Amino acid sequence: MLNDDTFPDGTHVKKGSLVAYSPWAMGRMQYIWGSDACDFKPERWMKDGVVQLESPFKFTAFQVGKYLNFTSHFMS
């Protein structure tokens, strides 16, 4: 970090700290996805046969920005 900062959840981070995250781990967090977070369940994104897209900030497998999931336009 170049300067002291505060994350949206209130976590304070001091200047000089190394901040990293793991998309692999975030995609398996039970408190985000439920007790079946590690199960392959495409239906978790379906409601009445329609794909319900999650925020790219919540599901980071395809990251956020210029290279968003290129298949998302096929699903709508």
N, C-alpha and C. Protein backbone atom coordinates (compact mmCIF):
# COMPACT_ATOMS: atom_id res chain seq x y z
N MET A 1 0.84 -1.17 0.00
CA MET A 1 0.00 0.00 0.00
C MET A 1 0.89 1.24 0.00
N LEU A 2 0.51 2.21 -0.79
CA LEU A 2 1.28 3.45 -0.84
C LEU A 2 0.92 4.39 0.30
N ASN A 3 -0.33 4.28 0.78
CA ASN A 3 -0.81 5.11 1.87
C ASN A 3 -1.67 4.26 2.80
N ASP A 4 -1.86 4.73 4.03
CA ASP A 4 -2.82 4.07 4.91
C ASP A 4 -4.18 4.09 4.22
N ASP A 5 -4.96 3.05 4.41
CA ASP A 5 -6.26 2.98 3.75
C ASP A 5 -7.21 2.16 4.62
N THR A 6 -8.48 2.21 4.27
CA THR A 6 -9.50 1.42 4.94
C THR A 6 -10.33 0.72 3.89
N PHE A 7 -10.45 -0.61 4.01
CA PHE A 7 -11.27 -1.38 3.09
C PHE A 7 -12.75 -1.14 3.36
N PRO A 8 -13.61 -1.45 2.40
CA PRO A 8 -15.06 -1.25 2.58
C PRO A 8 -15.63 -1.93 3.83
N ASP A 9 -15.01 -3.03 4.28
CA ASP A 9 -15.52 -3.72 5.47
C ASP A 9 -15.00 -3.11 6.77
N GLY A 10 -14.20 -2.04 6.67
CA GLY A 10 -13.69 -1.37 7.85
C GLY A 10 -12.29 -1.79 8.26
N THR A 11 -11.69 -2.73 7.56
CA THR A 11 -10.33 -3.17 7.86
C THR A 11 -9.34 -2.06 7.54
N HIS A 12 -8.51 -1.71 8.52
CA HIS A 12 -7.48 -0.69 8.31
C HIS A 12 -6.20 -1.35 7.82
N VAL A 13 -5.59 -0.75 6.79
CA VAL A 13 -4.35 -1.26 6.23
C VAL A 13 -3.32 -0.14 6.26
N LYS A 14 -2.17 -0.43 6.84
CA LYS A 14 -1.14 0.59 6.97
C LYS A 14 -0.26 0.69 5.73
N LYS A 15 0.24 1.86 5.50
CA LYS A 15 1.17 2.11 4.41
C LYS A 15 2.30 1.08 4.46
N GLY A 16 2.66 0.53 3.31
CA GLY A 16 3.74 -0.45 3.23
C GLY A 16 3.29 -1.89 3.36
N SER A 17 2.02 -2.11 3.71
CA SER A 17 1.50 -3.47 3.85
C SER A 17 1.36 -4.13 2.48
N LEU A 18 1.53 -5.42 2.44
CA LEU A 18 1.28 -6.20 1.23
C LEU A 18 -0.14 -6.73 1.31
N VAL A 19 -0.92 -6.46 0.28
CA VAL A 19 -2.30 -6.93 0.23
C VAL A 19 -2.43 -7.88 -0.96
N ALA A 20 -2.93 -9.07 -0.70
CA ALA A 20 -3.13 -10.07 -1.75
C ALA A 20 -4.47 -10.76 -1.52
N TYR A 21 -4.98 -11.37 -2.56
CA TYR A 21 -6.21 -12.16 -2.43
C TYR A 21 -6.11 -13.37 -3.34
N SER A 22 -6.91 -14.36 -3.06
CA SER A 22 -6.89 -15.58 -3.83
C SER A 22 -8.27 -15.83 -4.44
N PRO A 23 -8.43 -15.63 -5.75
CA PRO A 23 -9.71 -15.93 -6.38
C PRO A 23 -10.13 -17.38 -6.16
N TRP A 24 -9.15 -18.29 -6.12
CA TRP A 24 -9.46 -19.70 -5.89
C TRP A 24 -10.13 -19.87 -4.54
N ALA A 25 -9.56 -19.27 -3.50
CA ALA A 25 -10.13 -19.39 -2.16
C ALA A 25 -11.47 -18.66 -2.05
N MET A 26 -11.56 -17.49 -2.66
CA MET A 26 -12.81 -16.72 -2.58
C MET A 26 -13.97 -17.47 -3.23
N GLY A 27 -13.68 -18.22 -4.27
CA GLY A 27 -14.73 -19.00 -4.94
C GLY A 27 -15.19 -20.21 -4.14
N ARG A 28 -14.53 -20.47 -3.02
CA ARG A 28 -14.87 -21.63 -2.19
C ARG A 28 -15.26 -21.25 -0.76
N MET A 29 -15.45 -19.95 -0.51
CA MET A 29 -15.80 -19.49 0.83
C MET A 29 -17.26 -19.80 1.14
N GLN A 30 -17.46 -20.61 2.16
CA GLN A 30 -18.81 -21.01 2.51
C GLN A 30 -19.66 -19.85 3.00
N TYR A 31 -19.06 -18.87 3.64
CA TYR A 31 -19.87 -17.75 4.12
C TYR A 31 -20.37 -16.87 2.97
N ILE A 32 -19.78 -17.01 1.78
CA ILE A 32 -20.27 -16.29 0.61
C ILE A 32 -21.23 -17.16 -0.19
N TRP A 33 -20.86 -18.43 -0.45
CA TRP A 33 -21.58 -19.28 -1.39
C TRP A 33 -22.43 -20.37 -0.75
N GLY A 34 -22.32 -20.55 0.55
CA GLY A 34 -23.10 -21.58 1.22
C GLY A 34 -22.29 -22.82 1.51
N SER A 35 -22.90 -23.78 2.20
CA SER A 35 -22.18 -24.98 2.64
C SER A 35 -21.75 -25.87 1.47
N ASP A 36 -22.35 -25.66 0.30
CA ASP A 36 -21.99 -26.46 -0.88
C ASP A 36 -21.07 -25.68 -1.83
N ALA A 37 -20.32 -24.74 -1.28
CA ALA A 37 -19.48 -23.86 -2.10
C ALA A 37 -18.51 -24.62 -3.00
N CYS A 38 -18.05 -25.79 -2.58
CA CYS A 38 -17.08 -26.55 -3.37
C CYS A 38 -17.73 -27.47 -4.39
N ASP A 39 -19.05 -27.54 -4.39
CA ASP A 39 -19.76 -28.40 -5.34
C ASP A 39 -19.98 -27.67 -6.67
N PHE A 40 -19.81 -28.39 -7.77
CA PHE A 40 -20.11 -27.84 -9.09
C PHE A 40 -21.62 -27.82 -9.26
N LYS A 41 -22.21 -26.64 -9.18
CA LYS A 41 -23.66 -26.50 -9.26
C LYS A 41 -24.01 -25.29 -10.14
N PRO A 42 -24.01 -25.46 -11.45
CA PRO A 42 -24.35 -24.32 -12.31
C PRO A 42 -25.74 -23.75 -12.02
N GLU A 43 -26.62 -24.57 -11.46
CA GLU A 43 -27.98 -24.10 -11.18
C GLU A 43 -28.01 -23.02 -10.09
N ARG A 44 -26.91 -22.84 -9.37
CA ARG A 44 -26.90 -21.79 -8.35
C ARG A 44 -27.03 -20.41 -8.98
N TRP A 45 -26.74 -20.30 -10.28
CA TRP A 45 -26.88 -19.03 -10.99
C TRP A 45 -28.13 -18.98 -11.85
N MET A 46 -29.03 -19.92 -11.66
CA MET A 46 -30.28 -19.97 -12.45
C MET A 46 -31.48 -19.69 -11.54
N LYS A 47 -32.44 -18.97 -12.07
CA LYS A 47 -33.71 -18.76 -11.38
C LYS A 47 -34.79 -18.78 -12.45
N ASP A 48 -35.70 -19.76 -12.34
CA ASP A 48 -36.76 -19.93 -13.32
C ASP A 48 -36.21 -20.05 -14.74
N GLY A 49 -35.07 -20.76 -14.87
CA GLY A 49 -34.48 -21.00 -16.19
C GLY A 49 -33.69 -19.83 -16.75
N VAL A 50 -33.51 -18.77 -15.97
CA VAL A 50 -32.80 -17.58 -16.44
C VAL A 50 -31.54 -17.41 -15.60
N VAL A 51 -30.42 -17.14 -16.28
CA VAL A 51 -29.16 -16.94 -15.59
C VAL A 51 -29.23 -15.66 -14.77
N GLN A 52 -28.87 -15.76 -13.50
CA GLN A 52 -28.79 -14.61 -12.60
C GLN A 52 -27.30 -14.34 -12.37
N LEU A 53 -26.76 -13.37 -13.04
CA LEU A 53 -25.33 -13.10 -12.94
C LEU A 53 -24.98 -12.47 -11.60
N GLU A 54 -23.89 -12.91 -11.02
CA GLU A 54 -23.38 -12.34 -9.78
C GLU A 54 -22.49 -11.15 -10.12
N SER A 55 -22.30 -10.29 -9.15
CA SER A 55 -21.39 -9.17 -9.32
C SER A 55 -19.98 -9.71 -9.58
N PRO A 56 -19.27 -9.15 -10.55
CA PRO A 56 -17.89 -9.60 -10.79
C PRO A 56 -16.99 -9.30 -9.60
N PHE A 57 -17.43 -8.44 -8.69
CA PHE A 57 -16.66 -8.15 -7.48
C PHE A 57 -16.88 -9.23 -6.43
N LYS A 58 -17.98 -9.99 -6.54
CA LYS A 58 -18.24 -11.09 -5.61
C LYS A 58 -17.64 -12.39 -6.13
N PHE A 59 -17.82 -12.65 -7.40
CA PHE A 59 -17.29 -13.87 -8.02
C PHE A 59 -16.14 -13.46 -8.91
N THR A 60 -14.93 -13.62 -8.41
CA THR A 60 -13.75 -13.03 -9.07
C THR A 60 -13.02 -13.96 -10.04
N ALA A 61 -13.62 -15.10 -10.36
CA ALA A 61 -12.91 -16.06 -11.21
C ALA A 61 -12.47 -15.45 -12.54
N PHE A 62 -13.28 -14.56 -13.09
CA PHE A 62 -12.92 -13.93 -14.36
C PHE A 62 -12.44 -12.50 -14.16
N GLN A 63 -12.23 -12.11 -12.90
CA GLN A 63 -11.72 -10.79 -12.55
C GLN A 63 -12.72 -9.71 -12.95
N VAL A 64 -12.31 -8.47 -12.81
CA VAL A 64 -13.17 -7.32 -13.10
C VAL A 64 -12.39 -6.41 -14.02
N GLY A 65 -13.06 -5.79 -14.96
CA GLY A 65 -12.40 -4.82 -15.81
C GLY A 65 -12.54 -5.18 -17.27
N LYS A 66 -11.54 -4.82 -18.02
CA LYS A 66 -11.55 -4.95 -19.48
C LYS A 66 -11.87 -6.37 -19.94
N TYR A 67 -11.41 -7.38 -19.21
CA TYR A 67 -11.56 -8.76 -19.65
C TYR A 67 -12.61 -9.51 -18.84
N LEU A 68 -13.78 -8.93 -18.68
CA LEU A 68 -14.86 -9.62 -18.00
C LEU A 68 -15.17 -10.91 -18.71
N ASN A 69 -15.86 -11.81 -18.06
CA ASN A 69 -16.21 -13.11 -18.62
C ASN A 69 -16.78 -12.94 -20.03
N PHE A 70 -16.02 -13.35 -21.02
CA PHE A 70 -16.42 -13.18 -22.41
C PHE A 70 -17.62 -14.05 -22.79
N THR A 71 -17.98 -15.04 -21.96
CA THR A 71 -19.13 -15.89 -22.29
C THR A 71 -20.43 -15.34 -21.74
N SER A 72 -20.38 -14.29 -20.90
CA SER A 72 -21.60 -13.82 -20.24
C SER A 72 -22.65 -13.37 -21.23
N HIS A 73 -22.27 -12.84 -22.38
CA HIS A 73 -23.28 -12.40 -23.34
C HIS A 73 -23.99 -13.57 -24.03
N PHE A 74 -23.40 -14.75 -23.96
CA PHE A 74 -24.06 -15.95 -24.52
C PHE A 74 -25.16 -16.48 -23.59
N MET A 75 -25.07 -16.11 -22.31
CA MET A 75 -25.99 -16.67 -21.33
C MET A 75 -27.26 -15.85 -21.14
N SER A 76 -27.36 -14.70 -21.75
CA SER A 76 -28.55 -13.87 -21.54
C SER A 76 -29.45 -13.86 -22.74
